[in-house]
Amino acid sequence: MRDLHPYLVLSPLAFNDKTSLVIGLPMTTAEYNASNPFAVVAGKASGNKSDKTSYVLCHQPKSFDWRMRDAKPHPLGQLQESYFEQVRELLNQIIQLT
């Protein structure tokens, strides 16, 4: 896959550094996610997709070795707190940890 692929990291930095793993959720600008009950709107995308809405896919938790993939923080940084709260609430409904 080419280009940047945004990913919302949920695991804490201490875990990520010690294990080389990140646990989180993929993000996409695919328009069909507007009606996806498991996708949370995360604002407008950046770069060449700035006219598109970005979505966090709460039903697709994933982990990967960020060192092996040479992953870097996304230029936009952190997700706005209001969007992150929606992600946490929906993810909790799915996996019911709390």
N, C-alpha and C. Protein backbone atom coordinates (compact mmCIF):
# COMPACT_ATOMS: atom_id res chain seq x y z
N MET A 1 0.84 -1.18 0.00
CA MET A 1 0.00 0.00 0.00
C MET A 1 0.88 1.24 0.00
N ARG A 2 0.53 2.17 -0.84
CA ARG A 2 1.29 3.41 -0.93
C ARG A 2 0.66 4.50 -0.06
N ASP A 3 1.36 5.58 0.07
CA ASP A 3 0.88 6.76 0.76
C ASP A 3 0.75 6.53 2.27
N LEU A 4 0.31 7.59 2.95
CA LEU A 4 0.07 7.51 4.39
C LEU A 4 -1.23 6.78 4.65
N HIS A 5 -1.24 5.97 5.68
CA HIS A 5 -2.46 5.29 6.09
C HIS A 5 -2.67 5.61 7.57
N PRO A 6 -3.52 6.58 7.85
CA PRO A 6 -3.74 6.98 9.24
C PRO A 6 -4.27 5.83 10.09
N TYR A 7 -3.89 5.86 11.35
CA TYR A 7 -4.21 4.79 12.28
C TYR A 7 -4.32 5.44 13.66
N LEU A 8 -5.41 5.22 14.35
CA LEU A 8 -5.59 5.78 15.68
C LEU A 8 -4.99 4.83 16.70
N VAL A 9 -3.88 5.20 17.29
CA VAL A 9 -3.20 4.36 18.27
C VAL A 9 -3.92 4.48 19.60
N LEU A 10 -4.27 3.33 20.18
CA LEU A 10 -4.96 3.29 21.47
C LEU A 10 -4.04 2.85 22.60
N SER A 11 -3.02 2.09 22.28
CA SER A 11 -2.12 1.58 23.31
C SER A 11 -1.19 2.69 23.82
N PRO A 12 -0.79 2.60 25.09
CA PRO A 12 0.06 3.65 25.66
C PRO A 12 1.49 3.59 25.14
N LEU A 13 2.14 4.72 25.16
CA LEU A 13 3.51 4.85 24.64
C LEU A 13 4.47 3.88 25.31
N ALA A 14 4.36 3.68 26.61
CA ALA A 14 5.27 2.77 27.31
C ALA A 14 5.16 1.35 26.75
N PHE A 15 3.93 0.89 26.49
CA PHE A 15 3.71 -0.42 25.89
C PHE A 15 4.29 -0.46 24.48
N ASN A 16 4.00 0.56 23.70
CA ASN A 16 4.47 0.61 22.31
C ASN A 16 5.99 0.55 22.24
N ASP A 17 6.67 1.32 23.09
CA ASP A 17 8.13 1.34 23.09
C ASP A 17 8.73 0.00 23.52
N LYS A 18 8.14 -0.60 24.54
CA LYS A 18 8.69 -1.85 25.08
C LYS A 18 8.49 -3.04 24.14
N THR A 19 7.34 -3.08 23.46
CA THR A 19 7.00 -4.26 22.66
C THR A 19 7.18 -4.07 21.15
N SER A 20 7.34 -2.85 20.71
CA SER A 20 7.37 -2.49 19.28
C SER A 20 6.00 -2.64 18.63
N LEU A 21 4.97 -2.91 19.42
CA LEU A 21 3.61 -3.06 18.89
C LEU A 21 2.80 -1.82 19.18
N VAL A 22 1.86 -1.53 18.29
CA VAL A 22 0.82 -0.55 18.56
C VAL A 22 -0.51 -1.25 18.37
N ILE A 23 -1.46 -0.92 19.21
CA ILE A 23 -2.82 -1.44 19.09
C ILE A 23 -3.72 -0.24 18.81
N GLY A 24 -4.55 -0.37 17.80
CA GLY A 24 -5.39 0.76 17.46
C GLY A 24 -6.41 0.44 16.40
N LEU A 25 -6.87 1.50 15.75
CA LEU A 25 -7.96 1.40 14.78
C LEU A 25 -7.57 2.09 13.48
N PRO A 26 -7.85 1.46 12.35
CA PRO A 26 -7.55 2.10 11.07
C PRO A 26 -8.50 3.27 10.81
N MET A 27 -8.02 4.17 9.97
CA MET A 27 -8.82 5.32 9.56
C MET A 27 -8.90 5.33 8.04
N THR A 28 -9.98 5.89 7.51
CA THR A 28 -10.21 5.88 6.08
C THR A 28 -11.02 7.10 5.66
N THR A 29 -10.99 7.37 4.37
CA THR A 29 -11.85 8.41 3.81
C THR A 29 -12.89 7.81 2.86
N ALA A 30 -13.03 6.50 2.87
CA ALA A 30 -14.01 5.84 2.00
C ALA A 30 -15.42 6.33 2.35
N GLU A 31 -16.09 6.91 1.37
CA GLU A 31 -17.38 7.58 1.60
C GLU A 31 -18.48 6.65 2.08
N TYR A 32 -18.41 5.36 1.75
CA TYR A 32 -19.47 4.45 2.17
C TYR A 32 -19.53 4.29 3.69
N ASN A 33 -18.49 4.75 4.39
CA ASN A 33 -18.49 4.66 5.84
C ASN A 33 -19.40 5.69 6.50
N ALA A 34 -19.95 6.61 5.72
CA ALA A 34 -20.90 7.58 6.27
C ALA A 34 -22.11 6.88 6.88
N SER A 35 -22.47 5.73 6.35
CA SER A 35 -23.61 4.97 6.87
C SER A 35 -23.18 3.76 7.70
N ASN A 36 -21.90 3.62 7.96
CA ASN A 36 -21.38 2.50 8.74
C ASN A 36 -21.61 2.80 10.23
N PRO A 37 -22.40 1.98 10.93
CA PRO A 37 -22.67 2.26 12.34
C PRO A 37 -21.45 2.09 13.24
N PHE A 38 -20.39 1.50 12.73
CA PHE A 38 -19.17 1.29 13.52
C PHE A 38 -18.06 2.27 13.18
N ALA A 39 -18.36 3.24 12.34
CA ALA A 39 -17.37 4.26 11.95
C ALA A 39 -17.70 5.57 12.65
N VAL A 40 -16.67 6.22 13.17
CA VAL A 40 -16.83 7.51 13.83
C VAL A 40 -16.19 8.58 12.97
N VAL A 41 -16.92 9.64 12.71
CA VAL A 41 -16.38 10.77 11.96
C VAL A 41 -15.22 11.36 12.75
N ALA A 42 -14.11 11.59 12.07
CA ALA A 42 -12.91 12.13 12.72
C ALA A 42 -12.50 13.46 12.11
N GLY A 43 -13.42 14.14 11.47
CA GLY A 43 -13.12 15.43 10.88
C GLY A 43 -12.72 15.32 9.42
N LYS A 44 -12.17 16.40 8.91
CA LYS A 44 -11.73 16.45 7.51
C LYS A 44 -10.34 15.86 7.38
N ALA A 45 -10.12 15.18 6.29
CA ALA A 45 -8.80 14.62 5.99
C ALA A 45 -7.85 15.76 5.62
N SER A 46 -6.59 15.45 5.49
CA SER A 46 -5.60 16.47 5.12
C SER A 46 -4.97 16.12 3.78
N GLY A 47 -4.12 17.00 3.31
CA GLY A 47 -3.39 16.75 2.07
C GLY A 47 -4.28 16.74 0.86
N ASN A 48 -4.02 15.79 -0.04
CA ASN A 48 -4.78 15.74 -1.29
C ASN A 48 -6.20 15.22 -1.11
N LYS A 49 -6.57 14.83 0.11
CA LYS A 49 -7.93 14.35 0.39
C LYS A 49 -8.67 15.33 1.30
N SER A 50 -8.24 16.59 1.33
CA SER A 50 -8.78 17.56 2.27
C SER A 50 -10.26 17.86 2.05
N ASP A 51 -10.81 17.45 0.93
CA ASP A 51 -12.23 17.66 0.69
C ASP A 51 -13.07 16.49 1.21
N LYS A 52 -12.42 15.47 1.79
CA LYS A 52 -13.11 14.26 2.23
C LYS A 52 -13.19 14.20 3.75
N THR A 53 -14.17 13.47 4.22
CA THR A 53 -14.32 13.22 5.65
C THR A 53 -13.51 11.99 6.02
N SER A 54 -12.88 12.05 7.18
CA SER A 54 -12.10 10.92 7.69
C SER A 54 -12.93 10.17 8.72
N TYR A 55 -12.81 8.83 8.72
CA TYR A 55 -13.56 7.98 9.64
C TYR A 55 -12.60 7.05 10.38
N VAL A 56 -12.90 6.79 11.67
CA VAL A 56 -12.19 5.78 12.46
C VAL A 56 -13.06 4.53 12.43
N LEU A 57 -12.48 3.40 12.07
CA LEU A 57 -13.23 2.14 11.96
C LEU A 57 -13.12 1.36 13.27
N CYS A 58 -14.11 1.55 14.14
CA CYS A 58 -14.06 0.98 15.49
C CYS A 58 -14.23 -0.53 15.53
N HIS A 59 -14.72 -1.11 14.47
CA HIS A 59 -14.95 -2.56 14.43
C HIS A 59 -13.74 -3.33 13.85
N GLN A 60 -12.63 -2.63 13.64
CA GLN A 60 -11.46 -3.28 13.06
C GLN A 60 -10.18 -3.06 13.89
N PRO A 61 -10.20 -3.37 15.20
CA PRO A 61 -8.97 -3.18 15.98
C PRO A 61 -7.85 -4.05 15.40
N LYS A 62 -6.67 -3.48 15.38
CA LYS A 62 -5.51 -4.18 14.80
C LYS A 62 -4.27 -3.87 15.62
N SER A 63 -3.28 -4.71 15.48
CA SER A 63 -1.97 -4.42 16.05
C SER A 63 -0.93 -4.69 14.98
N PHE A 64 0.18 -3.99 15.08
CA PHE A 64 1.29 -4.26 14.17
C PHE A 64 2.58 -3.78 14.81
N ASP A 65 3.69 -4.28 14.31
CA ASP A 65 5.01 -3.91 14.77
C ASP A 65 5.42 -2.62 14.05
N TRP A 66 5.37 -1.52 14.78
CA TRP A 66 5.64 -0.23 14.16
C TRP A 66 7.10 -0.07 13.76
N ARG A 67 8.01 -0.75 14.43
CA ARG A 67 9.43 -0.66 14.05
C ARG A 67 9.69 -1.38 12.73
N MET A 68 9.11 -2.57 12.57
CA MET A 68 9.29 -3.32 11.31
C MET A 68 8.69 -2.57 10.13
N ARG A 69 7.60 -1.86 10.35
CA ARG A 69 6.96 -1.11 9.27
C ARG A 69 7.49 0.31 9.14
N ASP A 70 8.41 0.66 10.02
CA ASP A 70 8.99 2.00 10.01
C ASP A 70 7.88 3.07 10.09
N ALA A 71 6.90 2.81 10.94
CA ALA A 71 5.76 3.72 11.08
C ALA A 71 6.20 5.00 11.78
N LYS A 72 5.54 6.07 11.43
CA LYS A 72 5.82 7.39 11.99
C LYS A 72 4.51 8.03 12.43
N PRO A 73 4.58 8.95 13.39
CA PRO A 73 3.36 9.67 13.77
C PRO A 73 2.78 10.43 12.58
N HIS A 74 1.47 10.46 12.51
CA HIS A 74 0.79 11.20 11.43
C HIS A 74 1.06 12.69 11.61
N PRO A 75 1.23 13.42 10.52
CA PRO A 75 1.51 14.86 10.63
C PRO A 75 0.43 15.64 11.37
N LEU A 76 -0.79 15.15 11.39
CA LEU A 76 -1.86 15.88 12.07
C LEU A 76 -1.83 15.69 13.58
N GLY A 77 -1.09 14.72 14.07
CA GLY A 77 -0.99 14.53 15.51
C GLY A 77 -2.18 13.80 16.08
N GLN A 78 -2.70 14.32 17.19
CA GLN A 78 -3.76 13.64 17.92
C GLN A 78 -5.15 13.97 17.37
N LEU A 79 -6.05 13.02 17.59
CA LEU A 79 -7.45 13.20 17.25
C LEU A 79 -8.08 14.15 18.27
N GLN A 80 -8.99 14.99 17.82
CA GLN A 80 -9.68 15.88 18.75
C GLN A 80 -10.36 15.06 19.84
N GLU A 81 -10.36 15.59 21.06
CA GLU A 81 -10.90 14.88 22.22
C GLU A 81 -12.36 14.46 22.02
N SER A 82 -13.17 15.31 21.41
CA SER A 82 -14.58 14.96 21.22
C SER A 82 -14.74 13.75 20.30
N TYR A 83 -13.93 13.67 19.27
CA TYR A 83 -13.97 12.50 18.38
C TYR A 83 -13.44 11.26 19.10
N PHE A 84 -12.37 11.45 19.88
CA PHE A 84 -11.78 10.32 20.60
C PHE A 84 -12.77 9.75 21.61
N GLU A 85 -13.54 10.60 22.26
CA GLU A 85 -14.55 10.14 23.21
C GLU A 85 -15.60 9.29 22.50
N GLN A 86 -16.02 9.69 21.31
CA GLN A 86 -16.97 8.90 20.54
C GLN A 86 -16.39 7.53 20.18
N VAL A 87 -15.12 7.51 19.81
CA VAL A 87 -14.44 6.25 19.48
C VAL A 87 -14.43 5.35 20.70
N ARG A 88 -14.04 5.88 21.86
CA ARG A 88 -13.99 5.07 23.09
C ARG A 88 -15.36 4.50 23.43
N GLU A 89 -16.40 5.32 23.32
CA GLU A 89 -17.75 4.85 23.64
C GLU A 89 -18.19 3.73 22.70
N LEU A 90 -17.96 3.90 21.41
CA LEU A 90 -18.38 2.88 20.45
C LEU A 90 -17.55 1.61 20.61
N LEU A 91 -16.25 1.75 20.79
CA LEU A 91 -15.39 0.57 20.97
C LEU A 91 -15.81 -0.19 22.23
N ASN A 92 -16.15 0.52 23.30
CA ASN A 92 -16.60 -0.14 24.51
C ASN A 92 -17.92 -0.89 24.30
N GLN A 93 -18.79 -0.37 23.46
CA GLN A 93 -20.03 -1.08 23.14
C GLN A 93 -19.73 -2.39 22.40
N ILE A 94 -18.68 -2.36 21.58
CA ILE A 94 -18.33 -3.53 20.79
C ILE A 94 -17.64 -4.61 21.64
N ILE A 95 -16.62 -4.20 22.41
CA ILE A 95 -15.84 -5.21 23.14
C ILE A 95 -16.16 -5.28 24.63
N GLN A 96 -16.89 -4.32 25.16
CA GLN A 96 -17.40 -4.31 26.53
C GLN A 96 -16.33 -4.61 27.59
N LEU A 97 -15.28 -3.81 27.58
CA LEU A 97 -14.25 -3.98 28.59
C LEU A 97 -14.60 -3.27 29.89
N THR A 98 -15.33 -2.19 29.80
CA THR A 98 -15.69 -1.45 31.02
C THR A 98 -17.18 -1.32 31.15
